[in-house]
N, C-alpha and C. Protein backbone atom coordinates (compact mmCIF):
# COMPACT_ATOMS: atom_id res chain seq x y z
N MET A 1 -202.75 -49.55 179.04
CA MET A 1 -203.80 -48.61 178.45
C MET A 1 -204.04 -48.97 176.97
N GLU A 2 -205.25 -48.85 176.61
CA GLU A 2 -205.65 -49.09 175.25
C GLU A 2 -204.97 -48.13 174.29
N GLU A 3 -204.60 -48.58 173.03
CA GLU A 3 -204.02 -47.71 172.10
C GLU A 3 -204.92 -46.69 171.55
N LEU A 4 -204.46 -45.50 171.28
CA LEU A 4 -205.29 -44.35 170.88
C LEU A 4 -206.13 -44.74 169.58
N PRO A 5 -205.52 -45.34 168.57
CA PRO A 5 -206.29 -45.63 167.36
C PRO A 5 -207.56 -46.44 167.64
N THR A 6 -207.46 -47.42 168.61
CA THR A 6 -208.48 -48.27 168.93
C THR A 6 -209.65 -47.40 169.53
N LYS A 7 -209.39 -46.32 170.19
CA LYS A 7 -210.35 -45.45 170.79
C LYS A 7 -211.30 -44.90 169.75
N PHE A 8 -210.66 -44.61 168.50
CA PHE A 8 -211.48 -44.03 167.43
C PHE A 8 -212.38 -45.06 166.78
N GLU A 9 -212.10 -46.32 167.05
CA GLU A 9 -212.93 -47.42 166.45
C GLU A 9 -213.94 -47.95 167.52
N SER A 10 -213.95 -47.34 168.72
CA SER A 10 -214.86 -47.90 169.75
C SER A 10 -216.30 -47.85 169.35
N LEU A 11 -217.04 -48.60 170.05
CA LEU A 11 -218.49 -48.68 169.86
C LEU A 11 -219.07 -47.26 170.06
N GLU A 12 -218.68 -46.54 171.02
CA GLU A 12 -219.14 -45.20 171.32
C GLU A 12 -218.96 -44.27 170.02
N MET A 13 -217.68 -44.33 169.55
CA MET A 13 -217.40 -43.48 168.36
C MET A 13 -218.12 -43.85 167.19
N LYS A 14 -218.28 -45.21 166.96
CA LYS A 14 -219.07 -45.63 165.76
C LYS A 14 -220.57 -45.21 165.91
N LYS A 15 -221.04 -45.25 167.13
CA LYS A 15 -222.42 -44.87 167.38
C LYS A 15 -222.62 -43.30 167.11
N LEU A 16 -221.68 -42.54 167.53
CA LEU A 16 -221.70 -41.13 167.26
C LEU A 16 -221.67 -40.79 165.79
N ARG A 17 -220.76 -41.49 165.05
CA ARG A 17 -220.70 -41.30 163.59
C ARG A 17 -221.97 -41.67 162.97
N GLN A 18 -222.51 -42.88 163.35
CA GLN A 18 -223.79 -43.33 162.77
C GLN A 18 -224.99 -42.32 162.96
N GLU A 19 -224.97 -41.72 164.18
CA GLU A 19 -226.07 -40.76 164.52
C GLU A 19 -225.96 -39.55 163.56
N VAL A 20 -224.79 -39.06 163.47
CA VAL A 20 -224.46 -37.85 162.55
C VAL A 20 -224.90 -38.21 161.12
N LEU A 21 -224.45 -39.36 160.63
CA LEU A 21 -224.77 -39.80 159.24
C LEU A 21 -226.25 -40.03 159.04
N LYS A 22 -226.83 -40.68 160.03
CA LYS A 22 -228.30 -40.94 160.01
C LYS A 22 -229.04 -39.65 159.90
N GLU A 23 -228.77 -38.70 160.67
CA GLU A 23 -229.41 -37.41 160.70
C GLU A 23 -229.25 -36.68 159.36
N LEU A 24 -228.01 -36.72 158.75
CA LEU A 24 -227.71 -36.23 157.50
C LEU A 24 -228.65 -36.83 156.44
N GLU A 25 -228.69 -38.23 156.42
CA GLU A 25 -229.51 -38.91 155.45
C GLU A 25 -230.97 -38.56 155.60
N GLU A 26 -231.44 -38.35 156.78
CA GLU A 26 -232.83 -38.08 157.04
C GLU A 26 -233.15 -36.61 156.45
N LYS A 27 -232.24 -35.70 156.70
CA LYS A 27 -232.42 -34.30 156.16
C LYS A 27 -232.34 -34.28 154.65
N LYS A 28 -231.40 -35.06 154.07
CA LYS A 28 -231.35 -35.14 152.59
C LYS A 28 -232.61 -35.75 151.99
N PHE A 29 -233.14 -36.79 152.65
CA PHE A 29 -234.37 -37.45 152.23
C PHE A 29 -235.44 -36.47 152.27
N PHE A 30 -235.59 -35.71 153.32
CA PHE A 30 -236.67 -34.71 153.46
C PHE A 30 -236.56 -33.67 152.37
N LEU A 31 -235.35 -33.16 152.00
CA LEU A 31 -235.21 -32.15 150.95
C LEU A 31 -235.59 -32.69 149.61
N ILE A 32 -235.26 -33.90 149.31
CA ILE A 32 -235.54 -34.59 148.04
C ILE A 32 -237.10 -34.73 147.99
N ARG A 33 -237.71 -35.08 149.05
CA ARG A 33 -239.22 -35.27 149.05
C ARG A 33 -239.86 -33.94 148.81
N GLU A 34 -239.38 -32.83 149.39
CA GLU A 34 -239.93 -31.53 149.15
C GLU A 34 -239.80 -31.21 147.75
N LEU A 35 -238.55 -31.40 147.15
CA LEU A 35 -238.25 -31.05 145.75
C LEU A 35 -239.30 -31.87 144.86
N GLU A 36 -239.46 -33.21 145.16
CA GLU A 36 -240.36 -33.95 144.40
C GLU A 36 -241.71 -33.35 144.34
N GLU A 37 -242.21 -32.93 145.48
CA GLU A 37 -243.61 -32.31 145.60
C GLU A 37 -243.72 -31.00 144.81
N GLU A 38 -242.68 -30.22 144.89
CA GLU A 38 -242.61 -28.94 144.23
C GLU A 38 -242.61 -29.06 142.68
N VAL A 39 -241.71 -29.96 142.21
CA VAL A 39 -241.66 -30.20 140.77
C VAL A 39 -242.82 -30.92 140.17
N LYS A 40 -243.47 -31.66 141.05
CA LYS A 40 -244.73 -32.36 140.56
C LYS A 40 -245.75 -31.30 140.23
N GLU A 41 -245.82 -30.26 141.00
CA GLU A 41 -246.70 -29.25 140.73
C GLU A 41 -246.38 -28.46 139.40
N LEU A 42 -245.16 -28.54 138.99
CA LEU A 42 -244.73 -27.94 137.76
C LEU A 42 -244.82 -28.91 136.61
N GLY A 43 -245.25 -30.20 136.90
CA GLY A 43 -245.42 -31.15 135.88
C GLY A 43 -244.29 -32.12 135.64
N PHE A 44 -243.39 -32.25 136.58
CA PHE A 44 -242.22 -33.16 136.45
C PHE A 44 -242.25 -34.16 137.60
N GLU A 45 -241.55 -35.24 137.32
CA GLU A 45 -241.26 -36.18 138.43
C GLU A 45 -239.70 -36.31 138.50
N VAL A 46 -239.23 -36.58 139.74
CA VAL A 46 -237.75 -36.65 139.99
C VAL A 46 -237.31 -38.08 139.77
N SER A 47 -236.21 -38.22 139.01
CA SER A 47 -235.60 -39.50 138.85
C SER A 47 -234.23 -39.36 139.38
N MET A 48 -233.87 -40.30 140.38
CA MET A 48 -232.53 -40.23 141.01
C MET A 48 -231.70 -41.36 140.55
N SER A 49 -230.44 -41.07 140.23
CA SER A 49 -229.50 -42.12 139.83
C SER A 49 -228.13 -41.79 140.50
N ASP A 50 -227.21 -42.68 140.31
CA ASP A 50 -225.87 -42.48 140.84
C ASP A 50 -225.21 -41.18 140.40
N THR A 51 -225.60 -40.70 139.27
CA THR A 51 -224.99 -39.47 138.63
C THR A 51 -225.69 -38.19 139.08
N GLY A 52 -226.86 -38.34 139.76
CA GLY A 52 -227.55 -37.10 140.18
C GLY A 52 -229.03 -37.22 139.95
N LEU A 53 -229.66 -36.11 139.84
CA LEU A 53 -231.05 -35.90 139.66
C LEU A 53 -231.45 -35.62 138.20
N SER A 54 -232.55 -36.14 137.78
CA SER A 54 -233.06 -35.77 136.47
C SER A 54 -234.57 -35.53 136.60
N PHE A 55 -235.13 -34.88 135.65
CA PHE A 55 -236.57 -34.56 135.73
C PHE A 55 -237.31 -35.09 134.52
N LEU A 56 -238.33 -35.80 134.71
CA LEU A 56 -239.08 -36.33 133.57
C LEU A 56 -240.41 -35.69 133.60
N PRO A 57 -240.96 -35.40 132.44
CA PRO A 57 -242.32 -34.85 132.37
C PRO A 57 -243.32 -35.89 132.78
N ILE A 58 -244.31 -35.50 133.61
CA ILE A 58 -245.34 -36.41 134.06
C ILE A 58 -246.19 -36.79 132.86
N ASP A 59 -246.52 -35.77 132.04
CA ASP A 59 -247.30 -35.92 130.84
C ASP A 59 -246.34 -35.65 129.68
N GLU A 60 -245.97 -36.70 129.06
CA GLU A 60 -245.01 -36.61 127.90
C GLU A 60 -245.52 -35.78 126.73
N GLU A 61 -246.86 -35.58 126.65
CA GLU A 61 -247.43 -34.79 125.49
C GLU A 61 -247.65 -33.43 125.82
N ALA A 62 -247.49 -33.02 127.10
CA ALA A 62 -247.76 -31.62 127.54
C ALA A 62 -246.60 -30.75 127.04
N ASP A 63 -246.98 -29.48 126.67
CA ASP A 63 -246.05 -28.55 126.34
C ASP A 63 -245.38 -27.95 127.64
N ILE A 64 -244.06 -27.90 127.66
CA ILE A 64 -243.39 -27.40 128.87
C ILE A 64 -242.74 -26.13 128.52
N SER A 65 -243.17 -25.04 129.18
CA SER A 65 -242.62 -23.67 128.86
C SER A 65 -241.16 -23.59 129.44
N ALA A 66 -240.55 -22.58 128.84
CA ALA A 66 -239.08 -22.36 129.27
C ALA A 66 -239.10 -21.94 130.76
N ASP A 67 -240.09 -21.16 131.15
CA ASP A 67 -240.19 -20.65 132.56
C ASP A 67 -240.33 -21.84 133.56
N THR A 68 -241.15 -22.83 133.13
CA THR A 68 -241.37 -23.98 133.98
C THR A 68 -240.03 -24.80 134.15
N LEU A 69 -239.45 -24.95 132.99
CA LEU A 69 -238.14 -25.70 132.98
C LEU A 69 -237.13 -24.90 133.84
N LYS A 70 -237.11 -23.59 133.70
CA LYS A 70 -236.12 -22.78 134.49
C LYS A 70 -236.51 -22.85 135.91
N ALA A 71 -237.73 -22.83 136.36
CA ALA A 71 -238.09 -22.95 137.68
C ALA A 71 -237.71 -24.31 138.31
N THR A 72 -237.90 -25.31 137.55
CA THR A 72 -237.58 -26.68 137.97
C THR A 72 -236.05 -26.79 138.22
N THR A 73 -235.27 -26.28 137.29
CA THR A 73 -233.83 -26.24 137.40
C THR A 73 -233.36 -25.51 138.68
N SER A 74 -233.99 -24.32 138.78
CA SER A 74 -233.60 -23.46 139.98
C SER A 74 -233.96 -24.20 141.25
N LEU A 75 -235.10 -24.80 141.34
CA LEU A 75 -235.40 -25.58 142.53
C LEU A 75 -234.36 -26.69 142.86
N ALA A 76 -233.99 -27.41 141.81
CA ALA A 76 -233.06 -28.45 141.97
C ALA A 76 -231.65 -27.92 142.44
N LYS A 77 -231.24 -26.79 141.83
CA LYS A 77 -230.00 -26.23 142.26
C LYS A 77 -230.02 -25.88 143.74
N LEU A 78 -231.09 -25.28 144.16
CA LEU A 78 -231.23 -24.84 145.53
C LEU A 78 -231.15 -26.10 146.56
N VAL A 79 -231.84 -27.16 146.14
CA VAL A 79 -231.83 -28.36 146.96
C VAL A 79 -230.45 -28.92 146.99
N ILE A 80 -229.81 -28.98 145.84
CA ILE A 80 -228.45 -29.58 145.84
C ILE A 80 -227.50 -28.67 146.67
N GLU A 81 -227.60 -27.37 146.56
CA GLU A 81 -226.75 -26.50 147.45
C GLU A 81 -227.08 -26.76 148.85
N GLU A 82 -228.36 -26.88 149.22
CA GLU A 82 -228.70 -27.24 150.69
C GLU A 82 -228.08 -28.54 151.11
N ILE A 83 -228.07 -29.52 150.27
CA ILE A 83 -227.54 -30.80 150.61
C ILE A 83 -226.03 -30.70 150.79
N HIS A 84 -225.34 -29.89 149.91
CA HIS A 84 -223.95 -29.71 150.05
C HIS A 84 -223.59 -29.02 151.44
N VAL A 85 -224.44 -28.07 151.81
CA VAL A 85 -224.16 -27.35 153.11
C VAL A 85 -224.40 -28.36 154.21
N LEU A 86 -225.45 -29.18 154.16
CA LEU A 86 -225.69 -30.14 155.18
C LEU A 86 -224.51 -31.17 155.27
N GLU A 87 -224.01 -31.58 154.14
CA GLU A 87 -222.83 -32.53 154.13
C GLU A 87 -221.57 -31.88 154.73
N GLU A 88 -221.35 -30.62 154.40
CA GLU A 88 -220.24 -29.86 155.02
C GLU A 88 -220.44 -29.73 156.52
N LYS A 89 -221.64 -29.42 157.00
CA LYS A 89 -221.82 -29.32 158.45
C LYS A 89 -221.57 -30.72 159.14
N ALA A 90 -222.11 -31.72 158.51
CA ALA A 90 -221.92 -33.02 159.12
C ALA A 90 -220.44 -33.43 159.14
N GLU A 91 -219.66 -33.07 158.12
CA GLU A 91 -218.24 -33.29 158.10
C GLU A 91 -217.52 -32.61 159.25
N VAL A 92 -217.89 -31.29 159.39
CA VAL A 92 -217.30 -30.52 160.45
C VAL A 92 -217.67 -31.10 161.83
N LEU A 93 -218.92 -31.50 161.95
CA LEU A 93 -219.32 -32.10 163.20
C LEU A 93 -218.63 -33.43 163.49
N LEU A 94 -218.39 -34.23 162.49
CA LEU A 94 -217.54 -35.45 162.66
C LEU A 94 -216.10 -35.16 163.07
N GLU A 95 -215.55 -34.12 162.40
CA GLU A 95 -214.17 -33.76 162.71
C GLU A 95 -214.12 -33.23 164.21
N ASN A 96 -215.09 -32.54 164.58
CA ASN A 96 -215.10 -32.04 165.98
C ASN A 96 -215.22 -33.15 166.99
N ILE A 97 -216.04 -34.12 166.69
CA ILE A 97 -216.20 -35.29 167.54
C ILE A 97 -214.86 -36.00 167.67
N ILE A 98 -214.18 -36.17 166.51
CA ILE A 98 -212.93 -36.88 166.52
C ILE A 98 -211.88 -36.03 167.28
N MET A 99 -211.83 -34.70 167.09
CA MET A 99 -210.88 -33.86 167.75
C MET A 99 -211.09 -33.91 169.28
N ASP A 100 -212.38 -33.82 169.66
CA ASP A 100 -212.68 -33.93 171.08
C ASP A 100 -212.20 -35.17 171.72
N LYS A 101 -212.37 -36.28 171.03
CA LYS A 101 -211.94 -37.63 171.48
C LYS A 101 -210.45 -37.66 171.51
N LEU A 102 -209.80 -37.15 170.49
CA LEU A 102 -208.31 -37.08 170.51
C LEU A 102 -207.77 -36.39 171.72
N ILE A 103 -208.35 -35.18 171.90
CA ILE A 103 -207.85 -34.32 173.06
C ILE A 103 -208.09 -34.97 174.30
N TYR A 104 -209.18 -35.66 174.55
CA TYR A 104 -209.53 -36.32 175.77
C TYR A 104 -208.50 -37.41 176.04
N GLU A 105 -208.36 -38.30 175.03
CA GLU A 105 -207.57 -39.53 175.20
C GLU A 105 -206.05 -39.10 175.29
N LEU A 106 -205.67 -38.07 174.55
CA LEU A 106 -204.27 -37.61 174.60
C LEU A 106 -203.93 -37.00 175.89
N SER A 107 -204.92 -36.31 176.49
CA SER A 107 -204.70 -35.70 177.78
C SER A 107 -204.45 -36.79 178.83
N LEU A 108 -205.18 -37.87 178.70
CA LEU A 108 -204.96 -38.94 179.70
C LEU A 108 -203.59 -39.53 179.55
N LEU A 109 -203.08 -39.74 178.27
CA LEU A 109 -201.80 -40.24 178.01
C LEU A 109 -200.65 -39.35 178.44
N ILE A 110 -200.86 -38.08 178.20
CA ILE A 110 -199.77 -37.08 178.61
C ILE A 110 -199.78 -37.04 180.11
N LYS A 111 -200.89 -36.98 180.73
CA LYS A 111 -201.00 -36.88 182.19
C LYS A 111 -200.27 -38.10 182.81
N SER A 112 -200.44 -39.27 182.20
CA SER A 112 -199.72 -40.49 182.81
C SER A 112 -198.23 -40.35 182.60
N LEU A 113 -197.80 -39.78 181.52
CA LEU A 113 -196.40 -39.58 181.29
C LEU A 113 -195.84 -38.63 182.28
N LYS A 114 -196.60 -37.54 182.52
CA LYS A 114 -196.10 -36.49 183.45
C LYS A 114 -196.04 -37.08 184.90
N VAL A 115 -197.00 -37.90 185.25
CA VAL A 115 -196.94 -38.56 186.56
C VAL A 115 -195.71 -39.51 186.64
N LYS A 116 -195.51 -40.31 185.66
CA LYS A 116 -194.39 -41.24 185.64
C LYS A 116 -193.08 -40.54 185.72
N TYR A 117 -192.87 -39.41 185.00
CA TYR A 117 -191.66 -38.71 184.97
C TYR A 117 -191.73 -37.37 185.72
N ARG A 118 -192.45 -37.41 186.87
CA ARG A 118 -192.69 -36.13 187.62
C ARG A 118 -191.43 -35.65 188.27
N HIS A 119 -190.36 -36.48 188.33
CA HIS A 119 -189.15 -36.03 188.99
C HIS A 119 -188.26 -35.22 188.03
N TYR A 120 -188.68 -35.26 186.70
CA TYR A 120 -187.92 -34.50 185.69
C TYR A 120 -188.76 -33.36 185.22
N GLU A 121 -188.68 -32.24 185.96
CA GLU A 121 -189.54 -31.17 185.62
C GLU A 121 -189.39 -30.56 184.25
N GLU A 122 -188.20 -30.73 183.77
CA GLU A 122 -187.98 -30.19 182.35
C GLU A 122 -188.74 -31.03 181.26
N LEU A 123 -189.21 -32.17 181.64
CA LEU A 123 -189.98 -32.94 180.66
C LEU A 123 -191.43 -32.50 180.58
N ASP A 124 -191.91 -31.80 181.56
CA ASP A 124 -193.32 -31.28 181.48
C ASP A 124 -193.43 -30.40 180.23
N GLU A 125 -192.59 -29.54 179.91
CA GLU A 125 -192.69 -28.66 178.75
C GLU A 125 -192.62 -29.52 177.47
N TYR A 126 -191.78 -30.53 177.49
CA TYR A 126 -191.64 -31.42 176.33
C TYR A 126 -192.96 -32.16 176.10
N PHE A 127 -193.53 -32.67 177.13
CA PHE A 127 -194.80 -33.44 177.05
C PHE A 127 -196.02 -32.43 176.56
N ASP A 128 -195.90 -31.18 177.02
CA ASP A 128 -196.85 -30.26 176.55
C ASP A 128 -196.75 -29.87 175.02
N ASP A 129 -195.38 -29.82 174.68
CA ASP A 129 -195.18 -29.59 173.21
C ASP A 129 -195.65 -30.77 172.39
N ILE A 130 -195.45 -32.00 172.88
CA ILE A 130 -195.86 -33.19 172.16
C ILE A 130 -197.49 -33.08 172.07
N PHE A 131 -198.14 -32.72 173.12
CA PHE A 131 -199.60 -32.59 173.16
C PHE A 131 -200.00 -31.59 171.99
N ASP A 132 -199.44 -30.41 172.06
CA ASP A 132 -199.74 -29.35 171.09
C ASP A 132 -199.53 -29.75 169.66
N ASP A 133 -198.38 -30.48 169.49
CA ASP A 133 -197.99 -30.90 168.14
C ASP A 133 -199.01 -31.88 167.57
N ILE A 134 -199.36 -32.81 168.41
CA ILE A 134 -200.32 -33.89 168.02
C ILE A 134 -201.67 -33.30 167.68
N VAL A 135 -202.11 -32.35 168.51
CA VAL A 135 -203.42 -31.59 168.23
C VAL A 135 -203.32 -30.83 166.98
N ASP A 136 -202.21 -30.15 166.73
CA ASP A 136 -202.01 -29.33 165.59
C ASP A 136 -201.97 -30.28 164.37
N ASN A 137 -201.54 -31.46 164.44
CA ASN A 137 -201.42 -32.34 163.34
C ASN A 137 -202.28 -33.56 163.46
N ALA A 138 -203.52 -33.30 163.99
CA ALA A 138 -204.48 -34.32 164.26
C ALA A 138 -204.74 -35.32 163.17
N GLN A 139 -204.74 -34.81 161.98
CA GLN A 139 -205.06 -35.65 160.78
C GLN A 139 -204.06 -36.80 160.68
N LEU A 140 -202.88 -36.62 161.11
CA LEU A 140 -201.86 -37.66 161.11
C LEU A 140 -202.22 -38.80 162.11
N PHE A 141 -202.96 -38.48 163.08
CA PHE A 141 -203.20 -39.45 164.11
C PHE A 141 -204.60 -40.03 164.15
N THR A 142 -205.46 -39.51 163.26
CA THR A 142 -206.83 -39.99 163.30
C THR A 142 -207.22 -40.67 161.96
N ASP A 143 -206.53 -40.46 160.86
CA ASP A 143 -206.84 -41.02 159.58
C ASP A 143 -206.60 -42.45 159.57
N SER A 144 -207.49 -43.26 158.96
CA SER A 144 -207.36 -44.71 158.83
C SER A 144 -206.25 -45.08 157.85
N GLN A 145 -205.27 -45.70 158.42
CA GLN A 145 -204.23 -46.18 157.60
C GLN A 145 -203.73 -47.49 158.25
N ALA A 146 -204.46 -48.58 158.07
CA ALA A 146 -204.29 -49.82 158.76
C ALA A 146 -202.83 -50.39 158.68
N THR A 147 -202.26 -50.37 157.49
CA THR A 147 -200.89 -50.93 157.31
C THR A 147 -199.89 -50.21 158.15
N GLU A 148 -199.91 -48.94 158.10
CA GLU A 148 -198.94 -48.17 158.89
C GLU A 148 -199.19 -48.24 160.42
N VAL A 149 -200.50 -48.29 160.78
CA VAL A 149 -200.80 -48.48 162.17
C VAL A 149 -200.18 -49.76 162.71
N GLU A 150 -200.33 -50.83 161.96
CA GLU A 150 -199.68 -52.08 162.36
C GLU A 150 -198.13 -51.93 162.47
N ALA A 151 -197.56 -51.17 161.58
CA ALA A 151 -196.10 -50.98 161.59
C ALA A 151 -195.74 -50.15 162.88
N LEU A 152 -196.63 -49.27 163.27
CA LEU A 152 -196.27 -48.38 164.37
C LEU A 152 -196.46 -49.05 165.79
N LYS A 153 -197.27 -50.11 165.86
CA LYS A 153 -197.50 -50.72 167.07
C LYS A 153 -196.15 -51.08 167.68
N GLY A 154 -195.93 -50.83 168.99
CA GLY A 154 -194.70 -51.10 169.58
C GLY A 154 -193.72 -50.03 169.50
N ILE A 155 -193.82 -49.18 168.48
CA ILE A 155 -192.93 -48.05 168.37
C ILE A 155 -193.55 -46.87 169.06
N ILE A 156 -194.73 -46.50 168.68
CA ILE A 156 -195.50 -45.40 169.25
C ILE A 156 -196.92 -45.90 169.42
N PRO A 157 -197.32 -46.45 170.55
CA PRO A 157 -198.59 -47.05 170.68
C PRO A 157 -199.83 -46.13 170.64
N ILE A 158 -199.61 -44.78 170.54
CA ILE A 158 -200.70 -43.84 170.54
C ILE A 158 -201.06 -43.33 169.09
N VAL A 159 -200.43 -43.88 168.06
CA VAL A 159 -200.52 -43.26 166.78
C VAL A 159 -201.37 -44.05 165.76
N ARG A 160 -202.11 -43.27 164.95
CA ARG A 160 -202.68 -43.75 163.71
C ARG A 160 -202.25 -42.73 162.74
N ALA A 161 -201.38 -43.10 161.80
CA ALA A 161 -200.72 -42.07 161.04
C ALA A 161 -200.54 -42.33 159.61
N LYS A 162 -200.20 -41.21 158.78
CA LYS A 162 -199.92 -41.29 157.41
C LYS A 162 -198.50 -41.57 157.12
N GLY A 163 -197.59 -40.77 157.67
CA GLY A 163 -196.12 -40.86 157.41
C GLY A 163 -195.40 -41.41 158.52
N LEU A 164 -195.07 -42.72 158.59
CA LEU A 164 -194.35 -43.35 159.68
C LEU A 164 -193.07 -42.65 160.04
N ASP A 165 -192.23 -42.35 159.01
CA ASP A 165 -190.97 -41.69 159.30
C ASP A 165 -191.14 -40.34 159.86
N ASP A 166 -192.05 -39.51 159.37
CA ASP A 166 -192.30 -38.16 159.80
C ASP A 166 -192.72 -38.19 161.29
N ILE A 167 -193.59 -39.13 161.61
CA ILE A 167 -194.06 -39.08 163.05
C ILE A 167 -193.03 -39.59 163.97
N VAL A 168 -192.33 -40.62 163.59
CA VAL A 168 -191.33 -41.14 164.46
C VAL A 168 -190.27 -40.13 164.75
N LYS A 169 -189.75 -39.41 163.69
CA LYS A 169 -188.79 -38.39 163.77
C LYS A 169 -189.27 -37.25 164.74
N ARG A 170 -190.52 -36.95 164.67
CA ARG A 170 -191.08 -35.84 165.23
C ARG A 170 -190.90 -35.89 166.82
N TYR A 171 -191.00 -37.20 167.32
CA TYR A 171 -190.98 -37.37 168.77
C TYR A 171 -189.76 -38.05 169.32
N GLU A 172 -188.76 -38.16 168.41
CA GLU A 172 -187.52 -38.92 168.76
C GLU A 172 -186.78 -38.20 169.86
N VAL A 173 -186.21 -39.02 170.80
CA VAL A 173 -185.40 -38.48 171.92
C VAL A 173 -184.15 -39.35 171.84
N ASN A 174 -182.98 -38.71 171.65
CA ASN A 174 -181.77 -39.51 171.51
C ASN A 174 -181.31 -39.91 172.88
N VAL A 175 -181.04 -38.93 173.73
CA VAL A 175 -180.39 -39.17 175.02
C VAL A 175 -180.88 -38.07 176.01
N LEU A 176 -181.08 -38.41 177.19
CA LEU A 176 -181.30 -37.44 178.26
C LEU A 176 -180.00 -37.51 179.15
N VAL A 177 -179.28 -36.46 179.26
CA VAL A 177 -178.04 -36.41 180.06
C VAL A 177 -178.17 -35.27 181.11
N ASP A 178 -177.81 -35.63 182.33
CA ASP A 178 -177.83 -34.59 183.38
C ASP A 178 -176.32 -34.36 183.78
N ASN A 179 -175.83 -33.21 183.35
CA ASN A 179 -174.45 -32.79 183.68
C ASN A 179 -174.44 -31.77 184.81
N GLU A 180 -175.43 -31.72 185.50
CA GLU A 180 -175.53 -30.62 186.52
C GLU A 180 -174.39 -30.61 187.54
N ASP A 181 -173.97 -31.83 187.93
CA ASP A 181 -172.97 -31.89 189.03
C ASP A 181 -171.53 -31.97 188.44
N LEU A 182 -171.35 -31.86 187.13
CA LEU A 182 -170.01 -31.95 186.53
C LEU A 182 -169.38 -30.63 186.54
N GLU A 183 -168.01 -30.62 186.77
CA GLU A 183 -167.23 -29.36 186.61
C GLU A 183 -166.41 -29.40 185.36
N GLY A 184 -166.25 -28.31 184.72
CA GLY A 184 -165.49 -28.18 183.52
C GLY A 184 -166.24 -28.61 182.32
N ALA A 185 -165.56 -28.54 181.13
CA ALA A 185 -166.16 -28.91 179.90
C ALA A 185 -166.18 -30.39 179.68
N THR A 186 -167.28 -30.89 179.10
CA THR A 186 -167.41 -32.32 178.81
C THR A 186 -166.71 -32.65 177.52
N THR A 187 -166.05 -33.77 177.46
CA THR A 187 -165.37 -34.22 176.23
C THR A 187 -166.08 -35.43 175.69
N PRO A 188 -166.73 -35.30 174.50
CA PRO A 188 -167.39 -36.45 174.01
C PRO A 188 -166.35 -37.50 173.43
N LEU A 189 -166.63 -38.75 173.57
CA LEU A 189 -165.76 -39.82 173.08
C LEU A 189 -166.48 -40.35 171.75
N VAL A 190 -165.69 -40.19 170.68
CA VAL A 190 -166.20 -40.56 169.48
C VAL A 190 -165.29 -41.67 168.81
N ARG A 191 -165.84 -42.78 168.57
CA ARG A 191 -165.00 -43.87 167.96
C ARG A 191 -165.41 -43.96 166.47
N SER A 192 -164.43 -44.14 165.64
CA SER A 192 -164.79 -44.36 164.18
C SER A 192 -164.57 -45.73 163.75
């Protein structure tokens, strides 16, 4: 079975991300164009740079009233707020897409473990707990950390994680012992 981190890099996932980001950029472009038209009526043109928006008077010799300047600033603030809202919505949408993919792929993995270990009913609850824990800590399994992912290969093939030690300890199983048929107390043998 393909490793879980690879699933987040699939063509399908890249396409979904690109669609969300493309739609965001189109909406931002539309908002900026609307702003340009509105401030043009007020006598300004919009200049965009890496640091933000600025407004230049179309006619450098025209007198600009305080009300016109205030209206231009207010329009810009509204557009910037709308852009921030759009960016937040896109971020939530991307997180939901990733979470849906994580749950789907993790369900397949957990199901295969349950089938493989179906003779050990007590492991069902353990596998369910692993599923719940991974979903609750999804950011550990979906964030891009290439170096640690490489280190995790072979240890836990389903992980893309931030803290290698934290994740490995989280799912560590020392020993499974079945003492069901034994009589009396067990005596551990400890050698120093």
